[in-house]
């Protein structure tokens, strides 16, 4: 994708869109705009409004490299830009953790609607910290912690919290094993891809996002199954979990409802995402 010094924004974008579309990416125009805005250090809107803006100097090679990473390597835009918007937050993203998805915002909304003032909340499998930080940002009355088995992911979450000035406590733990305190609520977006589905994932996910944060046994529920059992009313003598909210994959809600019922949770309900998929299962005890 050759770009001459002083190339117009329109020409640069048109060339990038052709390359990205040819690679099979689903949103080539959006991808190209986000990459160019990142390289130029401007908002996407300015690409359309500022007629004097051009791709010149070091930006030429930087944009060429960004497009190559997207089109040839199929690297996600969020990793190339090292950033992803999540609710009101702009989070740093890299290969240490999964990229936050729009559907995960429903997990935050579900928790916010049900958490009482001052509740102690644990985000299990926090990754880059998206859910924990969003809860702290939107409900400063809550006492929020985030945990992960991956020290790399916790390092990214901690850096996001420090940069945003949000006071979340970070814990290294394998689900609830090693968690030192009791919590009133647990929220979690755990791995839920079945092993048989793994090879069908898009190359953006399969090649670049951490494998340990994706797959979860033959049915995709091995992590969820463990957490539900550990959070149930009879699992730990000190357990005080009042609410459990879990993001699940398409078609998994029924099985998770059964697991939560067997573990002693009641009033188990399903929340649908914007695509009408049963995305969040929530219960109380």
C-alpha atoms as a PDB file:
ATOM      1  CA  UNK A   1       0.000   0.000   0.000  1.00  0.00           C
ATOM      2  CA  UNK A   2       2.296   2.800  -1.210  1.00  0.00           C
ATOM      3  CA  UNK A   3       1.655   6.251   0.227  1.00  0.00           C
ATOM      4  CA  UNK A   4       3.599   9.299  -0.919  1.00  0.00           C
ATOM      5  CA  UNK A   5       4.644  12.057   1.449  1.00  0.00           C
ATOM      6  CA  UNK A   6       1.811  14.513   1.750  1.00  0.00           C
ATOM      7  CA  UNK A   7      -0.860  12.009   0.758  1.00  0.00           C
ATOM      8  CA  UNK A   8      -4.366  13.269   1.440  1.00  0.00           C
ATOM      9  CA  UNK A   9      -6.433  11.694   4.177  1.00  0.00           C
ATOM     10  CA  UNK A  10      -8.947  10.450   1.614  1.00  0.00           C
ATOM     11  CA  UNK A  11      -6.340   8.736  -0.549  1.00  0.00           C
ATOM     12  CA  UNK A  12      -4.578   7.214   2.444  1.00  0.00           C
ATOM     13  CA  UNK A  13      -7.832   5.827   3.792  1.00  0.00           C
ATOM     14  CA  UNK A  14      -8.991   4.513   0.420  1.00  0.00           C
ATOM     15  CA  UNK A  15      -5.730   2.589  -0.057  1.00  0.00           C
ATOM     16  CA  UNK A  16      -5.906   1.206   3.473  1.00  0.00           C
ATOM     17  CA  UNK A  17      -9.531   0.130   3.096  1.00  0.00           C
ATOM     18  CA  UNK A  18      -8.666  -1.848  -0.054  1.00  0.00           C
ATOM     19  CA  UNK A  19      -5.823  -3.676   1.707  1.00  0.00           C
ATOM     20  CA  UNK A  20      -7.810  -4.399   4.873  1.00  0.00           C
ATOM     21  CA  UNK A  21     -10.927  -5.507   2.983  1.00  0.00           C
ATOM     22  CA  UNK A  22      -8.869  -7.834   0.781  1.00  0.00           C
ATOM     23  CA  UNK A  23      -7.615  -9.556   3.942  1.00  0.00           C
ATOM     24  CA  UNK A  24     -11.176 -10.466   4.914  1.00  0.00           C
ATOM     25  CA  UNK A  25     -11.607  -8.057   7.827  1.00  0.00           C
ATOM     26  CA  UNK A  26     -15.256  -7.271   8.545  1.00  0.00           C
ATOM     27  CA  UNK A  27     -15.013  -3.497   9.101  1.00  0.00           C
ATOM     28  CA  UNK A  28     -12.281  -2.181   6.786  1.00  0.00           C
ATOM     29  CA  UNK A  29     -13.383   1.461   6.709  1.00  0.00           C
ATOM     30  CA  UNK A  30     -13.741   1.701  10.480  1.00  0.00           C
ATOM     31  CA  UNK A  31     -10.428  -0.103  10.994  1.00  0.00           C
ATOM     32  CA  UNK A  32      -8.606   2.213   8.590  1.00  0.00           C
ATOM     33  CA  UNK A  33     -10.042   5.331  10.217  1.00  0.00           C
ATOM     34  CA  UNK A  34      -9.157   4.188  13.717  1.00  0.00           C
ATOM     35  CA  UNK A  35      -5.607   3.284  12.694  1.00  0.00           C
ATOM     36  CA  UNK A  36      -5.011   6.572  10.892  1.00  0.00           C
ATOM     37  CA  UNK A  37      -6.464   8.615  13.739  1.00  0.00           C
ATOM     38  CA  UNK A  38      -4.162   6.728  16.121  1.00  0.00           C
ATOM     39  CA  UNK A  39      -1.084   7.340  13.967  1.00  0.00           C
ATOM     40  CA  UNK A  40      -1.871  11.045  13.576  1.00  0.00           C
ATOM     41  CA  UNK A  41      -2.878  11.462  17.216  1.00  0.00           C
ATOM     42  CA  UNK A  42      -6.262  12.961  16.406  1.00  0.00           C
ATOM     43  CA  UNK A  43      -9.917  12.056  16.953  1.00  0.00           C
ATOM     44  CA  UNK A  44     -11.567  10.078  14.138  1.00  0.00           C
ATOM     45  CA  UNK A  45     -13.943  12.955  13.473  1.00  0.00           C
ATOM     46  CA  UNK A  46     -11.055  15.214  12.518  1.00  0.00           C
ATOM     47  CA  UNK A  47     -10.171  12.947   9.603  1.00  0.00           C
ATOM     48  CA  UNK A  48     -13.421  14.033   7.979  1.00  0.00           C
ATOM     49  CA  UNK A  49     -13.555  17.659   9.123  1.00  0.00           C
ATOM     50  CA  UNK A  50      -9.985  18.958   8.757  1.00  0.00           C
ATOM     51  CA  UNK A  51      -9.253  19.527   5.075  1.00  0.00           C
ATOM     52  CA  UNK A  52      -5.675  20.581   5.820  1.00  0.00           C
ATOM     53  CA  UNK A  53      -4.797  17.299   7.482  1.00  0.00           C
ATOM     54  CA  UNK A  54      -2.439  15.025   5.526  1.00  0.00           C
ATOM     55  CA  UNK A  55      -0.337  11.910   5.997  1.00  0.00           C
ATOM     56  CA  UNK A  56       3.258  13.080   5.862  1.00  0.00           C
ATOM     57  CA  UNK A  57       6.712  12.505   7.337  1.00  0.00           C
ATOM     58  CA  UNK A  58       7.028   9.683   9.894  1.00  0.00           C
ATOM     59  CA  UNK A  59       3.273   9.160   9.809  1.00  0.00           C
ATOM     60  CA  UNK A  60       3.577   7.609   6.342  1.00  0.00           C
ATOM     61  CA  UNK A  61       5.638   4.640   7.501  1.00  0.00           C
ATOM     62  CA  UNK A  62       3.716   4.351  10.783  1.00  0.00           C
ATOM     63  CA  UNK A  63       0.392   4.096   8.951  1.00  0.00           C
ATOM     64  CA  UNK A  64       1.794   1.626   6.449  1.00  0.00           C
ATOM     65  CA  UNK A  65       2.997  -0.547   9.317  1.00  0.00           C
ATOM     66  CA  UNK A  66      -0.346  -0.329  11.139  1.00  0.00           C
ATOM     67  CA  UNK A  67      -2.226  -1.364   8.006  1.00  0.00           C
ATOM     68  CA  UNK A  68       0.201  -4.228   7.411  1.00  0.00           C
ATOM     69  CA  UNK A  69      -0.340  -5.505  10.958  1.00  0.00           C
ATOM     70  CA  UNK A  70      -4.108  -5.362  10.472  1.00  0.00           C
ATOM     71  CA  UNK A  71      -4.277  -6.792   6.964  1.00  0.00           C
ATOM     72  CA  UNK A  72      -1.407  -9.267   6.867  1.00  0.00           C
ATOM     73  CA  UNK A  73      -1.100 -10.351  10.491  1.00  0.00           C
ATOM     74  CA  UNK A  74      -4.800  -9.802  11.263  1.00  0.00           C
ATOM     75  CA  UNK A  75      -3.824  -8.134  14.524  1.00  0.00           C
ATOM     76  CA  UNK A  76      -6.805  -6.534  16.306  1.00  0.00           C
ATOM     77  CA  UNK A  77      -7.099  -2.773  16.004  1.00  0.00           C
ATOM     78  CA  UNK A  78      -7.242  -2.461  19.797  1.00  0.00           C
ATOM     79  CA  UNK A  79      -3.811  -4.069  20.131  1.00  0.00           C
ATOM     80  CA  UNK A  80      -2.309  -1.952  17.361  1.00  0.00           C
ATOM     81  CA  UNK A  81      -3.676   1.208  18.959  1.00  0.00           C
ATOM     82  CA  UNK A  82      -3.024  -0.177  22.478  1.00  0.00           C
ATOM     83  CA  UNK A  83      -6.398   1.186  23.556  1.00  0.00           C
ATOM     84  CA  UNK A  84     -10.085   0.292  23.749  1.00  0.00           C
ATOM     85  CA  UNK A  85     -13.138   2.227  24.915  1.00  0.00           C
ATOM     86  CA  UNK A  86     -15.301   0.519  27.530  1.00  0.00           C
ATOM     87  CA  UNK A  87     -18.308   2.381  28.861  1.00  0.00           C
ATOM     88  CA  UNK A  88     -16.916   5.740  30.068  1.00  0.00           C
ATOM     89  CA  UNK A  89     -13.312   4.553  30.174  1.00  0.00           C
ATOM     90  CA  UNK A  90     -10.438   4.413  27.702  1.00  0.00           C
ATOM     91  CA  UNK A  91      -8.421   1.326  28.639  1.00  0.00           C
ATOM     92  CA  UNK A  92      -4.944   0.300  27.641  1.00  0.00           C
ATOM     93  CA  UNK A  93      -4.969  -3.034  25.810  1.00  0.00           C
ATOM     94  CA  UNK A  94      -2.221  -5.459  24.887  1.00  0.00           C
ATOM     95  CA  UNK A  95      -1.680  -9.186  24.539  1.00  0.00           C
ATOM     96  CA  UNK A  96      -1.585  -9.737  28.278  1.00  0.00           C
ATOM     97  CA  UNK A  97      -5.390  -9.805  28.384  1.00  0.00           C
ATOM     98  CA  UNK A  98      -8.469 -10.126  26.213  1.00  0.00           C
ATOM     99  CA  UNK A  99      -9.808  -7.033  24.500  1.00  0.00           C
ATOM    100  CA  UNK A 100     -12.960  -5.809  26.299  1.00  0.00           C
ATOM    101  CA  UNK A 101     -16.100  -6.529  24.248  1.00  0.00           C
ATOM    102  CA  UNK A 102     -19.220  -4.356  23.996  1.00  0.00           C
ATOM    103  CA  UNK A 103     -21.397  -7.233  25.250  1.00  0.00           C
ATOM    104  CA  UNK A 104     -19.461  -7.268  28.523  1.00  0.00           C
ATOM    105  CA  UNK A 105     -20.908  -3.860  29.297  1.00  0.00           C
ATOM    106  CA  UNK A 106     -24.153  -5.712  30.027  1.00  0.00           C
ATOM    107  CA  UNK A 107     -22.399  -7.497  32.904  1.00  0.00           C
ATOM    108  CA  UNK A 108     -21.573  -4.089  34.391  1.00  0.00           C
ATOM    109  CA  UNK A 109     -25.124  -2.815  33.876  1.00  0.00           C
ATOM    110  CA  UNK A 110     -26.578  -5.938  35.494  1.00  0.00           C
ATOM    111  CA  UNK A 111     -24.379  -5.543  38.560  1.00  0.00           C
ATOM    112  CA  UNK A 112     -24.966  -1.802  38.886  1.00  0.00           C
ATOM    113  CA  UNK A 113     -28.733  -2.334  38.902  1.00  0.00           C
ATOM    114  CA  UNK A 114     -28.559  -4.839  41.758  1.00  0.00           C
ATOM    115  CA  UNK A 115     -25.697  -3.800  44.032  1.00  0.00           C
ATOM    116  CA  UNK A 116     -26.641  -2.057  47.296  1.00  0.00           C
ATOM    117  CA  UNK A 117     -24.762   0.955  48.581  1.00  0.00           C
ATOM    118  CA  UNK A 118     -21.318   0.096  49.917  1.00  0.00           C
ATOM    119  CA  UNK A 119     -21.299  -3.469  48.583  1.00  0.00           C
ATOM    120  CA  UNK A 120     -18.012  -5.334  48.378  1.00  0.00           C
ATOM    121  CA  UNK A 121     -17.593  -6.603  44.825  1.00  0.00           C
ATOM    122  CA  UNK A 122     -15.044  -8.962  43.302  1.00  0.00           C
ATOM    123  CA  UNK A 123     -14.485  -9.117  39.545  1.00  0.00           C
ATOM    124  CA  UNK A 124     -13.074 -12.612  38.990  1.00  0.00           C
ATOM    125  CA  UNK A 125     -10.879 -13.034  35.920  1.00  0.00           C
ATOM    126  CA  UNK A 126     -10.532  -9.286  35.610  1.00  0.00           C
ATOM    127  CA  UNK A 127      -8.140  -9.293  32.632  1.00  0.00           C
ATOM    128  CA  UNK A 128      -7.306  -5.685  31.776  1.00  0.00           C
ATOM    129  CA  UNK A 129      -9.600  -4.587  34.627  1.00  0.00           C
ATOM    130  CA  UNK A 130     -12.501  -3.373  32.470  1.00  0.00           C
ATOM    131  CA  UNK A 131     -15.422  -4.556  34.616  1.00  0.00           C
ATOM    132  CA  UNK A 132     -13.851  -3.729  37.974  1.00  0.00           C
ATOM    133  CA  UNK A 133     -12.768  -0.269  36.839  1.00  0.00           C
ATOM    134  CA  UNK A 134     -16.142   0.510  35.269  1.00  0.00           C
ATOM    135  CA  UNK A 135     -17.917  -0.431  38.503  1.00  0.00           C
ATOM    136  CA  UNK A 136     -15.574   1.760  40.549  1.00  0.00           C
ATOM    137  CA  UNK A 137     -15.928   4.620  38.068  1.00  0.00           C
ATOM    138  CA  UNK A 138     -19.716   4.591  38.036  1.00  0.00           C
ATOM    139  CA  UNK A 139     -20.339   3.635  41.662  1.00  0.00           C
ATOM    140  CA  UNK A 140     -17.667   5.166  43.931  1.00  0.00           C
ATOM    141  CA  UNK A 141     -19.632   3.908  46.952  1.00  0.00           C
ATOM    142  CA  UNK A 142     -18.695   0.322  46.091  1.00  0.00           C
ATOM    143  CA  UNK A 143     -15.583  -1.405  47.394  1.00  0.00           C
ATOM    144  CA  UNK A 144     -14.245  -3.097  44.298  1.00  0.00           C
ATOM    145  CA  UNK A 145     -11.523  -5.691  43.833  1.00  0.00           C
ATOM    146  CA  UNK A 146     -10.354  -7.509  40.725  1.00  0.00           C
ATOM    147  CA  UNK A 147      -8.625 -10.880  40.634  1.00  0.00           C
ATOM    148  CA  UNK A 148      -6.880 -12.944  38.007  1.00  0.00           C
ATOM    149  CA  UNK A 149      -4.732 -16.061  37.856  1.00  0.00           C
ATOM    150  CA  UNK A 150      -2.460 -14.284  35.352  1.00  0.00           C
ATOM    151  CA  UNK A 151       0.122 -11.953  36.848  1.00  0.00           C
ATOM    152  CA  UNK A 152       0.587 -10.389  33.408  1.00  0.00           C
ATOM    153  CA  UNK A 153      -3.099  -9.516  33.210  1.00  0.00           C
ATOM    154  CA  UNK A 154      -3.039  -8.109  36.737  1.00  0.00           C
ATOM    155  CA  UNK A 155      -0.114  -5.905  35.783  1.00  0.00           C
ATOM    156  CA  UNK A 156      -2.152  -4.475  32.922  1.00  0.00           C
ATOM    157  CA  UNK A 157      -5.230  -4.010  35.135  1.00  0.00           C
ATOM    158  CA  UNK A 158      -3.186  -2.281  37.809  1.00  0.00           C
ATOM    159  CA  UNK A 159      -1.646   0.064  35.244  1.00  0.00           C
ATOM    160  CA  UNK A 160      -5.100   0.940  33.927  1.00  0.00           C
ATOM    161  CA  UNK A 161      -6.346   1.648  37.433  1.00  0.00           C
ATOM    162  CA  UNK A 162      -3.392   3.877  38.251  1.00  0.00           C
ATOM    163  CA  UNK A 163      -3.668   5.810  35.002  1.00  0.00           C
ATOM    164  CA  UNK A 164      -7.398   6.376  35.508  1.00  0.00           C
ATOM    165  CA  UNK A 165      -7.040   7.193  39.198  1.00  0.00           C
ATOM    166  CA  UNK A 166      -9.541   4.516  40.229  1.00  0.00           C
ATOM    167  CA  UNK A 167      -9.046   2.795  43.575  1.00  0.00           C
ATOM    168  CA  UNK A 168      -9.518  -0.908  42.840  1.00  0.00           C
ATOM    169  CA  UNK A 169      -7.713  -3.600  44.840  1.00  0.00           C
ATOM    170  CA  UNK A 170      -5.978  -6.241  42.721  1.00  0.00           C
ATOM    171  CA  UNK A 171      -5.637  -9.851  43.866  1.00  0.00           C
ATOM    172  CA  UNK A 172      -3.670 -12.758  42.432  1.00  0.00           C
ATOM    173  CA  UNK A 173      -5.972 -15.780  42.710  1.00  0.00           C
ATOM    174  CA  UNK A 174      -7.224 -18.813  40.832  1.00  0.00           C
ATOM    175  CA  UNK A 175     -10.956 -18.074  40.909  1.00  0.00           C
ATOM    176  CA  UNK A 176     -11.742 -17.870  44.665  1.00  0.00           C
ATOM    177  CA  UNK A 177      -8.764 -19.944  45.839  1.00  0.00           C
ATOM    178  CA  UNK A 178      -6.444 -17.557  47.615  1.00  0.00           C
ATOM    179  CA  UNK A 179      -8.981 -14.745  47.871  1.00  0.00           C
ATOM    180  CA  UNK A 180      -8.492 -13.497  51.444  1.00  0.00           C
ATOM    181  CA  UNK A 181     -11.790 -11.725  52.012  1.00  0.00           C
ATOM    182  CA  UNK A 182     -15.519 -12.248  51.737  1.00  0.00           C
ATOM    183  CA  UNK A 183     -17.532 -10.290  49.184  1.00  0.00           C
ATOM    184  CA  UNK A 184     -21.169  -9.346  48.872  1.00  0.00           C
ATOM    185  CA  UNK A 185     -21.129  -9.871  45.113  1.00  0.00           C
ATOM    186  CA  UNK A 186     -19.055 -11.604  42.468  1.00  0.00           C
ATOM    187  CA  UNK A 187     -19.077 -10.690  38.799  1.00  0.00           C
ATOM    188  CA  UNK A 188     -17.114 -12.605  36.205  1.00  0.00           C
ATOM    189  CA  UNK A 189     -16.454 -12.837  32.497  1.00  0.00           C
ATOM    190  CA  UNK A 190     -14.539 -16.113  32.478  1.00  0.00           C
ATOM    191  CA  UNK A 191     -13.268 -18.157  29.509  1.00  0.00           C
ATOM    192  CA  UNK A 192     -16.263 -19.847  27.869  1.00  0.00           C
ATOM    193  CA  UNK A 193     -15.115 -21.111  24.458  1.00  0.00           C
ATOM    194  CA  UNK A 194     -15.518 -24.878  24.023  1.00  0.00           C
ATOM    195  CA  UNK A 195     -12.447 -26.724  22.790  1.00  0.00           C
ATOM    196  CA  UNK A 196     -14.321 -27.873  19.692  1.00  0.00           C
ATOM    197  CA  UNK A 197     -15.061 -24.240  18.804  1.00  0.00           C
ATOM    198  CA  UNK A 198     -11.559 -22.890  19.278  1.00  0.00           C
ATOM    199  CA  UNK A 199     -10.287 -23.455  15.748  1.00  0.00           C
ATOM    200  CA  UNK A 200     -13.346 -21.680  14.351  1.00  0.00           C
ATOM    201  CA  UNK A 201     -12.454 -18.412  16.039  1.00  0.00           C
ATOM    202  CA  UNK A 202     -11.475 -15.471  13.822  1.00  0.00           C
ATOM    203  CA  UNK A 203      -7.718 -15.090  13.270  1.00  0.00           C
ATOM    204  CA  UNK A 204      -7.766 -11.835  15.253  1.00  0.00           C
ATOM    205  CA  UNK A 205      -8.672 -13.850  18.331  1.00  0.00           C
ATOM    206  CA  UNK A 206      -6.933 -17.126  17.622  1.00  0.00           C
ATOM    207  CA  UNK A 207      -3.551 -15.658  16.696  1.00  0.00           C
ATOM    208  CA  UNK A 208      -3.308 -12.741  19.082  1.00  0.00           C
ATOM    209  CA  UNK A 209      -5.476 -12.928  22.214  1.00  0.00           C
ATOM    210  CA  UNK A 210      -4.260 -15.033  25.179  1.00  0.00           C
ATOM    211  CA  UNK A 211      -5.355 -18.659  24.784  1.00  0.00           C
ATOM    212  CA  UNK A 212      -5.780 -19.142  28.529  1.00  0.00           C
ATOM    213  CA  UNK A 213      -8.464 -16.460  28.611  1.00  0.00           C
ATOM    214  CA  UNK A 214     -10.509 -18.113  25.861  1.00  0.00           C
ATOM    215  CA  UNK A 215     -10.924 -21.892  26.112  1.00  0.00           C
ATOM    216  CA  UNK A 216     -12.628 -23.665  29.001  1.00  0.00           C
ATOM    217  CA  UNK A 217     -12.889 -27.396  28.478  1.00  0.00           C
ATOM    218  CA  UNK A 218     -15.071 -29.547  26.215  1.00  0.00           C
ATOM    219  CA  UNK A 219     -18.271 -27.557  26.828  1.00  0.00           C
ATOM    220  CA  UNK A 220     -16.715 -24.167  27.569  1.00  0.00           C
ATOM    221  CA  UNK A 221     -17.983 -24.213  31.145  1.00  0.00           C
ATOM    222  CA  UNK A 222     -15.089 -25.640  33.158  1.00  0.00           C
ATOM    223  CA  UNK A 223     -14.186 -22.278  34.726  1.00  0.00           C
ATOM    224  CA  UNK A 224     -17.809 -21.246  35.253  1.00  0.00           C
ATOM    225  CA  UNK A 225     -18.588 -24.610  36.836  1.00  0.00           C
ATOM    226  CA  UNK A 226     -15.741 -24.224  39.350  1.00  0.00           C
ATOM    227  CA  UNK A 227     -16.618 -20.645  40.237  1.00  0.00           C
ATOM    228  CA  UNK A 228     -20.312 -21.390  40.793  1.00  0.00           C
ATOM    229  CA  UNK A 229     -19.384 -24.270  43.108  1.00  0.00           C
ATOM    230  CA  UNK A 230     -16.857 -22.153  45.012  1.00  0.00           C
ATOM    231  CA  UNK A 231     -19.250 -19.223  45.394  1.00  0.00           C
ATOM    232  CA  UNK A 232     -22.253 -21.291  46.507  1.00  0.00           C
ATOM    233  CA  UNK A 233     -23.627 -20.939  50.038  1.00  0.00           C
ATOM    234  CA  UNK A 234     -22.143 -24.226  51.250  1.00  0.00           C
ATOM    235  CA  UNK A 235     -18.721 -23.953  49.609  1.00  0.00           C
ATOM    236  CA  UNK A 236     -16.846 -21.902  52.219  1.00  0.00           C
ATOM    237  CA  UNK A 237     -17.549 -21.376  55.884  1.00  0.00           C
ATOM    238  CA  UNK A 238     -16.889 -17.643  55.521  1.00  0.00           C
ATOM    239  CA  UNK A 239     -18.656 -17.139  52.207  1.00  0.00           C
ATOM    240  CA  UNK A 240     -21.003 -14.147  52.226  1.00  0.00           C
ATOM    241  CA  UNK A 241     -21.690 -13.831  48.515  1.00  0.00           C
ATOM    242  CA  UNK A 242     -25.176 -12.438  48.052  1.00  0.00           C
ATOM    243  CA  UNK A 243     -25.097 -12.036  44.273  1.00  0.00           C
ATOM    244  CA  UNK A 244     -23.341 -13.825  41.425  1.00  0.00           C
ATOM    245  CA  UNK A 245     -23.422 -12.432  37.877  1.00  0.00           C
ATOM    246  CA  UNK A 246     -21.735 -14.293  35.017  1.00  0.00           C
ATOM    247  CA  UNK A 247     -21.238 -13.503  31.362  1.00  0.00           C
ATOM    248  CA  UNK A 248     -21.764 -16.641  29.261  1.00  0.00           C
ATOM    249  CA  UNK A 249     -21.474 -17.696  25.638  1.00  0.00           C
ATOM    250  CA  UNK A 250     -24.351 -18.121  23.215  1.00  0.00           C
ATOM    251  CA  UNK A 251     -26.372 -21.212  24.093  1.00  0.00           C
ATOM    252  CA  UNK A 252     -24.811 -21.683  27.546  1.00  0.00           C
ATOM    253  CA  UNK A 253     -27.336 -19.857  29.730  1.00  0.00           C
ATOM    254  CA  UNK A 254     -29.542 -22.881  30.376  1.00  0.00           C
ATOM    255  CA  UNK A 255     -26.656 -24.989  31.608  1.00  0.00           C
ATOM    256  CA  UNK A 256     -25.391 -22.173  33.822  1.00  0.00           C
ATOM    257  CA  UNK A 257     -28.856 -21.652  35.330  1.00  0.00           C
ATOM    258  CA  UNK A 258     -28.874 -25.336  36.275  1.00  0.00           C
ATOM    259  CA  UNK A 259     -25.398 -25.082  37.806  1.00  0.00           C
ATOM    260  CA  UNK A 260     -26.378 -22.063  39.885  1.00  0.00           C
ATOM    261  CA  UNK A 261     -29.561 -23.732  41.063  1.00  0.00           C
ATOM    262  CA  UNK A 262     -27.659 -26.842  42.150  1.00  0.00           C
ATOM    263  CA  UNK A 263     -25.175 -24.648  44.032  1.00  0.00           C
ATOM    264  CA  UNK A 264     -27.946 -23.020  46.082  1.00  0.00           C
ATOM    265  CA  UNK A 265     -28.548 -19.776  44.198  1.00  0.00           C
ATOM    266  CA  UNK A 266     -32.136 -18.644  43.771  1.00  0.00           C
ATOM    267  CA  UNK A 267     -34.087 -16.160  41.687  1.00  0.00           C
ATOM    268  CA  UNK A 268     -31.707 -16.932  38.815  1.00  0.00           C
ATOM    269  CA  UNK A 269     -32.387 -14.737  35.806  1.00  0.00           C
ATOM    270  CA  UNK A 270     -31.084 -14.124  32.300  1.00  0.00           C
ATOM    271  CA  UNK A 271     -30.188 -10.780  30.727  1.00  0.00           C
ATOM    272  CA  UNK A 272     -30.177 -10.441  26.925  1.00  0.00           C
ATOM    273  CA  UNK A 273     -27.553  -8.433  25.071  1.00  0.00           C
ATOM    274  CA  UNK A 274     -28.366  -6.050  22.203  1.00  0.00           C
ATOM    275  CA  UNK A 275     -28.262  -8.944  19.740  1.00  0.00           C
ATOM    276  CA  UNK A 276     -30.914 -10.807  21.741  1.00  0.00           C
ATOM    277  CA  UNK A 277     -28.405 -13.402  22.987  1.00  0.00           C
ATOM    278  CA  UNK A 278     -28.746 -14.746  26.545  1.00  0.00           C
ATOM    279  CA  UNK A 279     -25.532 -13.136  27.736  1.00  0.00           C
ATOM    280  CA  UNK A 280     -25.615 -12.690  31.530  1.00  0.00           C
ATOM    281  CA  UNK A 281     -26.908 -15.091  34.185  1.00  0.00           C
ATOM    282  CA  UNK A 282     -27.448 -13.613  37.644  1.00  0.00           C
ATOM    283  CA  UNK A 283     -28.621 -15.175  40.897  1.00  0.00           C
ATOM    284  CA  UNK A 284     -28.757 -14.456  44.622  1.00  0.00           C
ATOM    285  CA  UNK A 285     -28.524 -16.495  47.791  1.00  0.00           C
END
